[in-house]
Amino acid sequence: MTRMVKCVLLGEELEGLERPPYPGDLGQRIFEQVSKQAWQQWLQHQTMLINEYRLSVIDPKARKFLAEEMQKFFFGGGARKPEGYVPGK
């Protein structure tokens, strides 16, 4: 049976994730309050951040930055796009 959550980002009752997508308390909080749809939005935003800032996900500083941005994206009033960002066609 599908697990439903009241999505903190989209404000609707939507299908939830199957398991915590990230370790620790932040991952558990996302599991409990974020829908699959909102998680997909984060993955797109995260990809844009990695590309625009040329981050290496093996770099601990980059991982910390992405975790902070994830926190902002879901629970801190939204994350901003990098200055000067222009979406591709």
PDB file of N, CA and C in Angstrom:
ATOM      1  N   MET A   1       0.840  -1.185   0.000  1.00  0.00           N
ATOM      2  CA  MET A   1       0.000   0.000   0.000  1.00  0.00           C
ATOM      3  C   MET A   1       0.884   1.245   0.000  1.00  0.00           C
ATOM      4  N   THR A   2       0.443   2.259  -0.680  1.00  0.00           N
ATOM      5  CA  THR A   2       1.186   3.503  -0.804  1.00  0.00           C
ATOM      6  C   THR A   2       1.112   4.296   0.497  1.00  0.00           C
ATOM      7  N   ARG A   3       2.264   4.790   0.929  1.00  0.00           N
ATOM      8  CA  ARG A   3       2.339   5.617   2.135  1.00  0.00           C
ATOM      9  C   ARG A   3       2.139   7.067   1.718  1.00  0.00           C
ATOM     10  N   MET A   4       1.216   7.749   2.389  1.00  0.00           N
ATOM     11  CA  MET A   4       0.911   9.134   2.077  1.00  0.00           C
ATOM     12  C   MET A   4       1.507  10.042   3.159  1.00  0.00           C
ATOM     13  N   VAL A   5       1.929  11.228   2.739  1.00  0.00           N
ATOM     14  CA  VAL A   5       2.453  12.226   3.673  1.00  0.00           C
ATOM     15  C   VAL A   5       1.838  13.579   3.342  1.00  0.00           C
ATOM     16  N   LYS A   6       1.733  14.421   4.346  1.00  0.00           N
ATOM     17  CA  LYS A   6       1.379  15.825   4.121  1.00  0.00           C
ATOM     18  C   LYS A   6       2.689  16.512   3.758  1.00  0.00           C
ATOM     19  N   CYS A   7       2.890  16.782   2.475  1.00  0.00           N
ATOM     20  CA  CYS A   7       4.171  17.288   1.979  1.00  0.00           C
ATOM     21  C   CYS A   7       4.404  18.721   2.457  1.00  0.00           C
ATOM     22  N   VAL A   8       5.512  18.909   3.145  1.00  0.00           N
ATOM     23  CA  VAL A   8       5.880  20.207   3.685  1.00  0.00           C
ATOM     24  C   VAL A   8       6.173  21.208   2.569  1.00  0.00           C
ATOM     25  N   LEU A   9       6.634  20.736   1.429  1.00  0.00           N
ATOM     26  CA  LEU A   9       6.990  21.631   0.330  1.00  0.00           C
ATOM     27  C   LEU A   9       5.778  21.992  -0.523  1.00  0.00           C
ATOM     28  N   LEU A  10       4.961  21.008  -0.859  1.00  0.00           N
ATOM     29  CA  LEU A  10       3.848  21.221  -1.776  1.00  0.00           C
ATOM     30  C   LEU A  10       2.522  21.467  -1.077  1.00  0.00           C
ATOM     31  N   GLY A  11       2.468  21.195   0.229  1.00  0.00           N
ATOM     32  CA  GLY A  11       1.265  21.488   1.010  1.00  0.00           C
ATOM     33  C   GLY A  11       0.080  20.590   0.734  1.00  0.00           C
ATOM     34  N   GLU A  12       0.325  19.433   0.157  1.00  0.00           N
ATOM     35  CA  GLU A  12      -0.754  18.499  -0.158  1.00  0.00           C
ATOM     36  C   GLU A  12      -0.445  17.121   0.404  1.00  0.00           C
ATOM     37  N   GLU A  13      -1.486  16.309   0.511  1.00  0.00           N
ATOM     38  CA  GLU A  13      -1.337  14.903   0.887  1.00  0.00           C
ATOM     39  C   GLU A  13      -0.930  14.145  -0.379  1.00  0.00           C
ATOM     40  N   LEU A  14       0.303  13.658  -0.409  1.00  0.00           N
ATOM     41  CA  LEU A  14       0.851  13.015  -1.603  1.00  0.00           C
ATOM     42  C   LEU A  14       1.596  11.743  -1.231  1.00  0.00           C
ATOM     43  N   GLU A  15       1.935  10.965  -2.236  1.00  0.00           N
ATOM     44  CA  GLU A  15       2.669   9.726  -2.020  1.00  0.00           C
ATOM     45  C   GLU A  15       4.034  10.016  -1.408  1.00  0.00           C
ATOM     46  N   GLY A  16       4.352   9.275  -0.342  1.00  0.00           N
ATOM     47  CA  GLY A  16       5.618   9.461   0.360  1.00  0.00           C
ATOM     48  C   GLY A  16       6.724   8.590  -0.205  1.00  0.00           C
ATOM     49  N   LEU A  17       7.916   8.872   0.246  1.00  0.00           N
ATOM     50  CA  LEU A  17       9.090   8.091  -0.146  1.00  0.00           C
ATOM     51  C   LEU A  17       9.026   6.702   0.484  1.00  0.00           C
ATOM     52  N   GLU A  18       9.724   5.759  -0.099  1.00  0.00           N
ATOM     53  CA  GLU A  18       9.712   4.382   0.397  1.00  0.00           C
ATOM     54  C   GLU A  18      10.637   4.176   1.585  1.00  0.00           C
ATOM     55  N   ARG A  19      11.666   5.019   1.672  1.00  0.00           N
ATOM     56  CA  ARG A  19      12.624   4.932   2.786  1.00  0.00           C
ATOM     57  C   ARG A  19      13.326   6.282   2.901  1.00  0.00           C
ATOM     58  N   PRO A  20      13.976   6.543   4.019  1.00  0.00           N
ATOM     59  CA  PRO A  20      14.711   7.811   4.152  1.00  0.00           C
ATOM     60  C   PRO A  20      15.754   7.935   3.041  1.00  0.00           C
ATOM     61  N   PRO A  21      15.772   9.059   2.328  1.00  0.00           N
ATOM     62  CA  PRO A  21      16.673   9.212   1.188  1.00  0.00           C
ATOM     63  C   PRO A  21      18.059   9.736   1.547  1.00  0.00           C
ATOM     64  N   TYR A  22      18.248  10.002   2.830  1.00  0.00           N
ATOM     65  CA  TYR A  22      19.489  10.623   3.293  1.00  0.00           C
ATOM     66  C   TYR A  22      19.711  10.132   4.718  1.00  0.00           C
ATOM     67  N   PRO A  23      20.957   9.977   5.142  1.00  0.00           N
ATOM     68  CA  PRO A  23      21.192   9.456   6.495  1.00  0.00           C
ATOM     69  C   PRO A  23      20.859  10.472   7.593  1.00  0.00           C
ATOM     70  N   GLY A  24      20.671   9.968   8.779  1.00  0.00           N
ATOM     71  CA  GLY A  24      20.527  10.815   9.961  1.00  0.00           C
ATOM     72  C   GLY A  24      19.155  11.441  10.132  1.00  0.00           C
ATOM     73  N   ASP A  25      19.121  12.439  11.018  1.00  0.00           N
ATOM     74  CA  ASP A  25      17.867  13.112  11.354  1.00  0.00           C
ATOM     75  C   ASP A  25      17.242  13.811  10.158  1.00  0.00           C
ATOM     76  N   LEU A  26      18.070  14.438   9.318  1.00  0.00           N
ATOM     77  CA  LEU A  26      17.531  15.128   8.148  1.00  0.00           C
ATOM     78  C   LEU A  26      16.839  14.133   7.218  1.00  0.00           C
ATOM     79  N   GLY A  27      17.440  12.997   6.994  1.00  0.00           N
ATOM     80  CA  GLY A  27      16.829  11.971   6.151  1.00  0.00           C
ATOM     81  C   GLY A  27      15.515  11.465   6.710  1.00  0.00           C
ATOM     82  N   GLN A  28      15.463  11.294   8.025  1.00  0.00           N
ATOM     83  CA  GLN A  28      14.225  10.834   8.657  1.00  0.00           C
ATOM     84  C   GLN A  28      13.133  11.894   8.549  1.00  0.00           C
ATOM     85  N   ARG A  29      13.520  13.135   8.739  1.00  0.00           N
ATOM     86  CA  ARG A  29      12.553  14.237   8.632  1.00  0.00           C
ATOM     87  C   ARG A  29      12.012  14.338   7.205  1.00  0.00           C
ATOM     88  N   ILE A  30      12.873  14.186   6.216  1.00  0.00           N
ATOM     89  CA  ILE A  30      12.441  14.192   4.821  1.00  0.00           C
ATOM     90  C   ILE A  30      11.494  13.027   4.567  1.00  0.00           C
ATOM     91  N   PHE A  31      11.837  11.844   5.050  1.00  0.00           N
ATOM     92  CA  PHE A  31      10.992  10.660   4.884  1.00  0.00           C
ATOM     93  C   PHE A  31       9.587  10.903   5.442  1.00  0.00           C
ATOM     94  N   GLU A  32       9.509  11.555   6.570  1.00  0.00           N
ATOM     95  CA  GLU A  32       8.226  11.768   7.242  1.00  0.00           C
ATOM     96  C   GLU A  32       7.410  12.918   6.655  1.00  0.00           C
ATOM     97  N   GLN A  33       8.072  13.902   5.999  1.00  0.00           N
ATOM     98  CA  GLN A  33       7.352  15.127   5.625  1.00  0.00           C
ATOM     99  C   GLN A  33       7.447  15.529   4.156  1.00  0.00           C
ATOM    100  N   VAL A  34       8.143  14.751   3.333  1.00  0.00           N
ATOM    101  CA  VAL A  34       8.365  15.145   1.943  1.00  0.00           C
ATOM    102  C   VAL A  34       7.815  14.058   1.008  1.00  0.00           C
ATOM    103  N   SER A  35       7.107  14.492  -0.018  1.00  0.00           N
ATOM    104  CA  SER A  35       6.536  13.563  -0.994  1.00  0.00           C
ATOM    105  C   SER A  35       7.570  13.162  -2.045  1.00  0.00           C
ATOM    106  N   LYS A  36       7.251  12.099  -2.775  1.00  0.00           N
ATOM    107  CA  LYS A  36       8.107  11.667  -3.882  1.00  0.00           C
ATOM    108  C   LYS A  36       8.240  12.789  -4.910  1.00  0.00           C
ATOM    109  N   GLN A  37       7.144  13.472  -5.176  1.00  0.00           N
ATOM    110  CA  GLN A  37       7.148  14.557  -6.154  1.00  0.00           C
ATOM    111  C   GLN A  37       8.102  15.679  -5.729  1.00  0.00           C
ATOM    112  N   ALA A  38       8.052  16.071  -4.468  1.00  0.00           N
ATOM    113  CA  ALA A  38       8.934  17.121  -3.966  1.00  0.00           C
ATOM    114  C   ALA A  38      10.389  16.642  -3.970  1.00  0.00           C
ATOM    115  N   TRP A  39      10.611  15.367  -3.672  1.00  0.00           N
ATOM    116  CA  TRP A  39      11.973  14.845  -3.693  1.00  0.00           C
ATOM    117  C   TRP A  39      12.549  14.934  -5.109  1.00  0.00           C
ATOM    118  N   GLN A  40      11.740  14.641  -6.111  1.00  0.00           N
ATOM    119  CA  GLN A  40      12.196  14.759  -7.494  1.00  0.00           C
ATOM    120  C   GLN A  40      12.551  16.209  -7.821  1.00  0.00           C
ATOM    121  N   GLN A  41      11.796  17.153  -7.289  1.00  0.00           N
ATOM    122  CA  GLN A  41      12.121  18.573  -7.487  1.00  0.00           C
ATOM    123  C   GLN A  41      13.473  18.896  -6.863  1.00  0.00           C
ATOM    124  N   TRP A  42      13.716  18.334  -5.663  1.00  0.00           N
ATOM    125  CA  TRP A  42      15.023  18.555  -5.027  1.00  0.00           C
ATOM    126  C   TRP A  42      16.157  17.971  -5.879  1.00  0.00           C
ATOM    127  N   LEU A  43      15.962  16.763  -6.409  1.00  0.00           N
ATOM    128  CA  LEU A  43      17.014  16.145  -7.211  1.00  0.00           C
ATOM    129  C   LEU A  43      17.368  17.008  -8.420  1.00  0.00           C
ATOM    130  N   GLN A  44      16.377  17.609  -9.041  1.00  0.00           N
ATOM    131  CA  GLN A  44      16.632  18.519 -10.161  1.00  0.00           C
ATOM    132  C   GLN A  44      17.392  19.756  -9.681  1.00  0.00           C
ATOM    133  N   HIS A  45      16.982  20.301  -8.543  1.00  0.00           N
ATOM    134  CA  HIS A  45      17.647  21.483  -7.994  1.00  0.00           C
ATOM    135  C   HIS A  45      19.091  21.138  -7.601  1.00  0.00           C
ATOM    136  N   GLN A  46      19.273  19.991  -6.978  1.00  0.00           N
ATOM    137  CA  GLN A  46      20.602  19.555  -6.569  1.00  0.00           C
ATOM    138  C   GLN A  46      21.521  19.387  -7.786  1.00  0.00           C
ATOM    139  N   THR A  47      21.006  18.808  -8.858  1.00  0.00           N
ATOM    140  CA  THR A  47      21.795  18.640 -10.080  1.00  0.00           C
ATOM    141  C   THR A  47      22.224  19.994 -10.624  1.00  0.00           C
ATOM    142  N   MET A  48      21.312  20.952 -10.600  1.00  0.00           N
ATOM    143  CA  MET A  48      21.637  22.294 -11.056  1.00  0.00           C
ATOM    144  C   MET A  48      22.734  22.902 -10.188  1.00  0.00           C
ATOM    145  N   LEU A  49      22.650  22.726  -8.861  1.00  0.00           N
ATOM    146  CA  LEU A  49      23.681  23.251  -7.961  1.00  0.00           C
ATOM    147  C   LEU A  49      25.041  22.608  -8.245  1.00  0.00           C
ATOM    148  N   ILE A  50      25.048  21.306  -8.407  1.00  0.00           N
ATOM    149  CA  ILE A  50      26.300  20.589  -8.685  1.00  0.00           C
ATOM    150  C   ILE A  50      26.923  21.110  -9.977  1.00  0.00           C
ATOM    151  N   ASN A  51      26.100  21.275 -10.990  1.00  0.00           N
ATOM    152  CA  ASN A  51      26.616  21.740 -12.280  1.00  0.00           C
ATOM    153  C   ASN A  51      27.063  23.201 -12.232  1.00  0.00           C
ATOM    154  N   GLU A  52      26.244  24.067 -11.673  1.00  0.00           N
ATOM    155  CA  GLU A  52      26.544  25.504 -11.671  1.00  0.00           C
ATOM    156  C   GLU A  52      27.758  25.835 -10.810  1.00  0.00           C
ATOM    157  N   TYR A  53      27.869  25.169  -9.671  1.00  0.00           N
ATOM    158  CA  TYR A  53      28.997  25.428  -8.772  1.00  0.00           C
ATOM    159  C   TYR A  53      30.171  24.480  -9.016  1.00  0.00           C
ATOM    160  N   ARG A  54      29.996  23.587  -9.985  1.00  0.00           N
ATOM    161  CA  ARG A  54      31.036  22.610 -10.334  1.00  0.00           C
ATOM    162  C   ARG A  54      31.516  21.841  -9.091  1.00  0.00           C
ATOM    163  N   LEU A  55      30.541  21.288  -8.394  1.00  0.00           N
ATOM    164  CA  LEU A  55      30.823  20.568  -7.156  1.00  0.00           C
ATOM    165  C   LEU A  55      31.238  19.136  -7.443  1.00  0.00           C
ATOM    166  N   SER A  56      32.094  18.622  -6.609  1.00  0.00           N
ATOM    167  CA  SER A  56      32.452  17.215  -6.627  1.00  0.00           C
ATOM    168  C   SER A  56      31.794  16.575  -5.412  1.00  0.00           C
ATOM    169  N   VAL A  57      30.926  15.616  -5.641  1.00  0.00           N
ATOM    170  CA  VAL A  57      30.188  15.020  -4.528  1.00  0.00           C
ATOM    171  C   VAL A  57      31.061  14.171  -3.614  1.00  0.00           C
ATOM    172  N   ILE A  58      32.311  13.950  -3.980  1.00  0.00           N
ATOM    173  CA  ILE A  58      33.218  13.246  -3.068  1.00  0.00           C
ATOM    174  C   ILE A  58      33.914  14.216  -2.117  1.00  0.00           C
ATOM    175  N   ASP A  59      33.784  15.511  -2.375  1.00  0.00           N
ATOM    176  CA  ASP A  59      34.370  16.543  -1.519  1.00  0.00           C
ATOM    177  C   ASP A  59      33.462  16.757  -0.302  1.00  0.00           C
ATOM    178  N   PRO A  60      33.989  16.579   0.921  1.00  0.00           N
ATOM    179  CA  PRO A  60      33.167  16.765   2.114  1.00  0.00           C
ATOM    180  C   PRO A  60      32.533  18.163   2.205  1.00  0.00           C
ATOM    181  N   LYS A  61      33.233  19.185   1.743  1.00  0.00           N
ATOM    182  CA  LYS A  61      32.659  20.545   1.769  1.00  0.00           C
ATOM    183  C   LYS A  61      31.458  20.650   0.832  1.00  0.00           C
ATOM    184  N   ALA A  62      31.533  20.013  -0.317  1.00  0.00           N
ATOM    185  CA  ALA A  62      30.419  20.020  -1.267  1.00  0.00           C
ATOM    186  C   ALA A  62      29.224  19.267  -0.697  1.00  0.00           C
ATOM    187  N   ARG A  63      29.484  18.121  -0.063  1.00  0.00           N
ATOM    188  CA  ARG A  63      28.392  17.351   0.548  1.00  0.00           C
ATOM    189  C   ARG A  63      27.727  18.150   1.663  1.00  0.00           C
ATOM    190  N   LYS A  64      28.533  18.851   2.456  1.00  0.00           N
ATOM    191  CA  LYS A  64      27.979  19.688   3.534  1.00  0.00           C
ATOM    192  C   LYS A  64      27.125  20.809   2.938  1.00  0.00           C
ATOM    193  N   PHE A  65      27.626  21.452   1.896  1.00  0.00           N
ATOM    194  CA  PHE A  65      26.880  22.508   1.224  1.00  0.00           C
ATOM    195  C   PHE A  65      25.541  21.981   0.705  1.00  0.00           C
ATOM    196  N   LEU A  66      25.556  20.822   0.053  1.00  0.00           N
ATOM    197  CA  LEU A  66      24.328  20.249  -0.492  1.00  0.00           C
ATOM    198  C   LEU A  66      23.344  19.877   0.613  1.00  0.00           C
ATOM    199  N   ALA A  67      23.832  19.370   1.730  1.00  0.00           N
ATOM    200  CA  ALA A  67      22.947  19.047   2.859  1.00  0.00           C
ATOM    201  C   ALA A  67      22.303  20.320   3.409  1.00  0.00           C
ATOM    202  N   GLU A  68      23.081  21.398   3.502  1.00  0.00           N
ATOM    203  CA  GLU A  68      22.530  22.674   3.975  1.00  0.00           C
ATOM    204  C   GLU A  68      21.476  23.205   3.002  1.00  0.00           C
ATOM    205  N   GLU A  69      21.752  23.080   1.717  1.00  0.00           N
ATOM    206  CA  GLU A  69      20.790  23.530   0.702  1.00  0.00           C
ATOM    207  C   GLU A  69      19.528  22.669   0.720  1.00  0.00           C
ATOM    208  N   MET A  70      19.687  21.363   0.970  1.00  0.00           N
ATOM    209  CA  MET A  70      18.533  20.475   1.069  1.00  0.00           C
ATOM    210  C   MET A  70      17.655  20.898   2.245  1.00  0.00           C
ATOM    211  N   GLN A  71      18.284  21.196   3.366  1.00  0.00           N
ATOM    212  CA  GLN A  71      17.563  21.665   4.552  1.00  0.00           C
ATOM    213  C   GLN A  71      16.768  22.930   4.207  1.00  0.00           C
ATOM    214  N   LYS A  72      17.407  23.882   3.544  1.00  0.00           N
ATOM    215  CA  LYS A  72      16.738  25.128   3.153  1.00  0.00           C
ATOM    216  C   LYS A  72      15.607  24.861   2.165  1.00  0.00           C
ATOM    217  N   PHE A  73      15.860  23.988   1.193  1.00  0.00           N
ATOM    218  CA  PHE A  73      14.886  23.692   0.145  1.00  0.00           C
ATOM    219  C   PHE A  73      13.571  23.192   0.741  1.00  0.00           C
ATOM    220  N   PHE A  74      13.666  22.276   1.694  1.00  0.00           N
ATOM    221  CA  PHE A  74      12.459  21.683   2.258  1.00  0.00           C
ATOM    222  C   PHE A  74      11.926  22.409   3.489  1.00  0.00           C
ATOM    223  N   PHE A  75      12.792  22.873   4.349  1.00  0.00           N
ATOM    224  CA  PHE A  75      12.345  23.340   5.664  1.00  0.00           C
ATOM    225  C   PHE A  75      12.733  24.778   5.989  1.00  0.00           C
ATOM    226  N   GLY A  76      13.459  25.446   5.112  1.00  0.00           N
ATOM    227  CA  GLY A  76      13.951  26.779   5.439  1.00  0.00           C
ATOM    228  C   GLY A  76      13.454  27.877   4.536  1.00  0.00           C
ATOM    229  N   GLY A  77      12.293  27.724   3.954  1.00  0.00           N
ATOM    230  CA  GLY A  77      11.758  28.786   3.124  1.00  0.00           C
ATOM    231  C   GLY A  77      12.226  28.747   1.678  1.00  0.00           C
ATOM    232  N   GLY A  78      12.840  27.663   1.271  1.00  0.00           N
ATOM    233  CA  GLY A  78      13.248  27.521  -0.121  1.00  0.00           C
ATOM    234  C   GLY A  78      14.705  27.856  -0.348  1.00  0.00           C
ATOM    235  N   ALA A  79      15.261  27.266  -1.363  1.00  0.00           N
ATOM    236  CA  ALA A  79      16.663  27.493  -1.722  1.00  0.00           C
ATOM    237  C   ALA A  79      16.696  28.369  -2.971  1.00  0.00           C
ATOM    238  N   ARG A  80      17.718  29.183  -3.069  1.00  0.00           N
ATOM    239  CA  ARG A  80      17.861  30.068  -4.213  1.00  0.00           C
ATOM    240  C   ARG A  80      18.681  29.392  -5.306  1.00  0.00           C
ATOM    241  N   LYS A  81      18.478  29.877  -6.505  1.00  0.00           N
ATOM    242  CA  LYS A  81      19.316  29.445  -7.616  1.00  0.00           C
ATOM    243  C   LYS A  81      20.591  30.278  -7.591  1.00  0.00           C
ATOM    244  N   PRO A  82      21.686  29.766  -8.115  1.00  0.00           N
ATOM    245  CA  PRO A  82      22.933  30.526  -8.147  1.00  0.00           C
ATOM    246  C   PRO A  82      22.748  31.851  -8.901  1.00  0.00           C
ATOM    247  N   GLU A  83      23.445  32.861  -8.475  1.00  0.00           N
ATOM    248  CA  GLU A  83      23.366  34.165  -9.118  1.00  0.00           C
ATOM    249  C   GLU A  83      23.764  34.030 -10.583  1.00  0.00           C
ATOM    250  N   GLY A  84      22.973  34.614 -11.452  1.00  0.00           N
ATOM    251  CA  GLY A  84      23.246  34.571 -12.876  1.00  0.00           C
ATOM    252  C   GLY A  84      22.812  33.279 -13.551  1.00  0.00           C
ATOM    253  N   TYR A  85      22.130  32.393 -12.837  1.00  0.00           N
ATOM    254  CA  TYR A  85      21.720  31.118 -13.416  1.00  0.00           C
ATOM    255  C   TYR A  85      20.685  31.343 -14.526  1.00  0.00           C
ATOM    256  N   VAL A  86      20.910  30.715 -15.667  1.00  0.00           N
ATOM    257  CA  VAL A  86      19.975  30.748 -16.778  1.00  0.00           C
ATOM    258  C   VAL A  86      19.694  29.310 -17.168  1.00  0.00           C
ATOM    259  N   PRO A  87      18.431  28.857 -17.032  1.00  0.00           N
ATOM    260  CA  PRO A  87      18.128  27.472 -17.359  1.00  0.00           C
ATOM    261  C   PRO A  87      18.420  27.149 -18.822  1.00  0.00           C
ATOM    262  N   GLY A  88      18.859  25.924 -19.072  1.00  0.00           N
ATOM    263  CA  GLY A  88      19.110  25.471 -20.436  1.00  0.00           C
ATOM    264  C   GLY A  88      17.823  25.298 -21.201  1.00  0.00           C
ATOM    265  N   LYS A  89      17.948  25.191 -22.501  1.00  0.00           N
ATOM    266  CA  LYS A  89      16.760  25.041 -23.353  1.00  0.00           C
ATOM    267  C   LYS A  89      16.394  23.604 -23.539  1.00  0.00           C
TER     268      LYS A  89
END
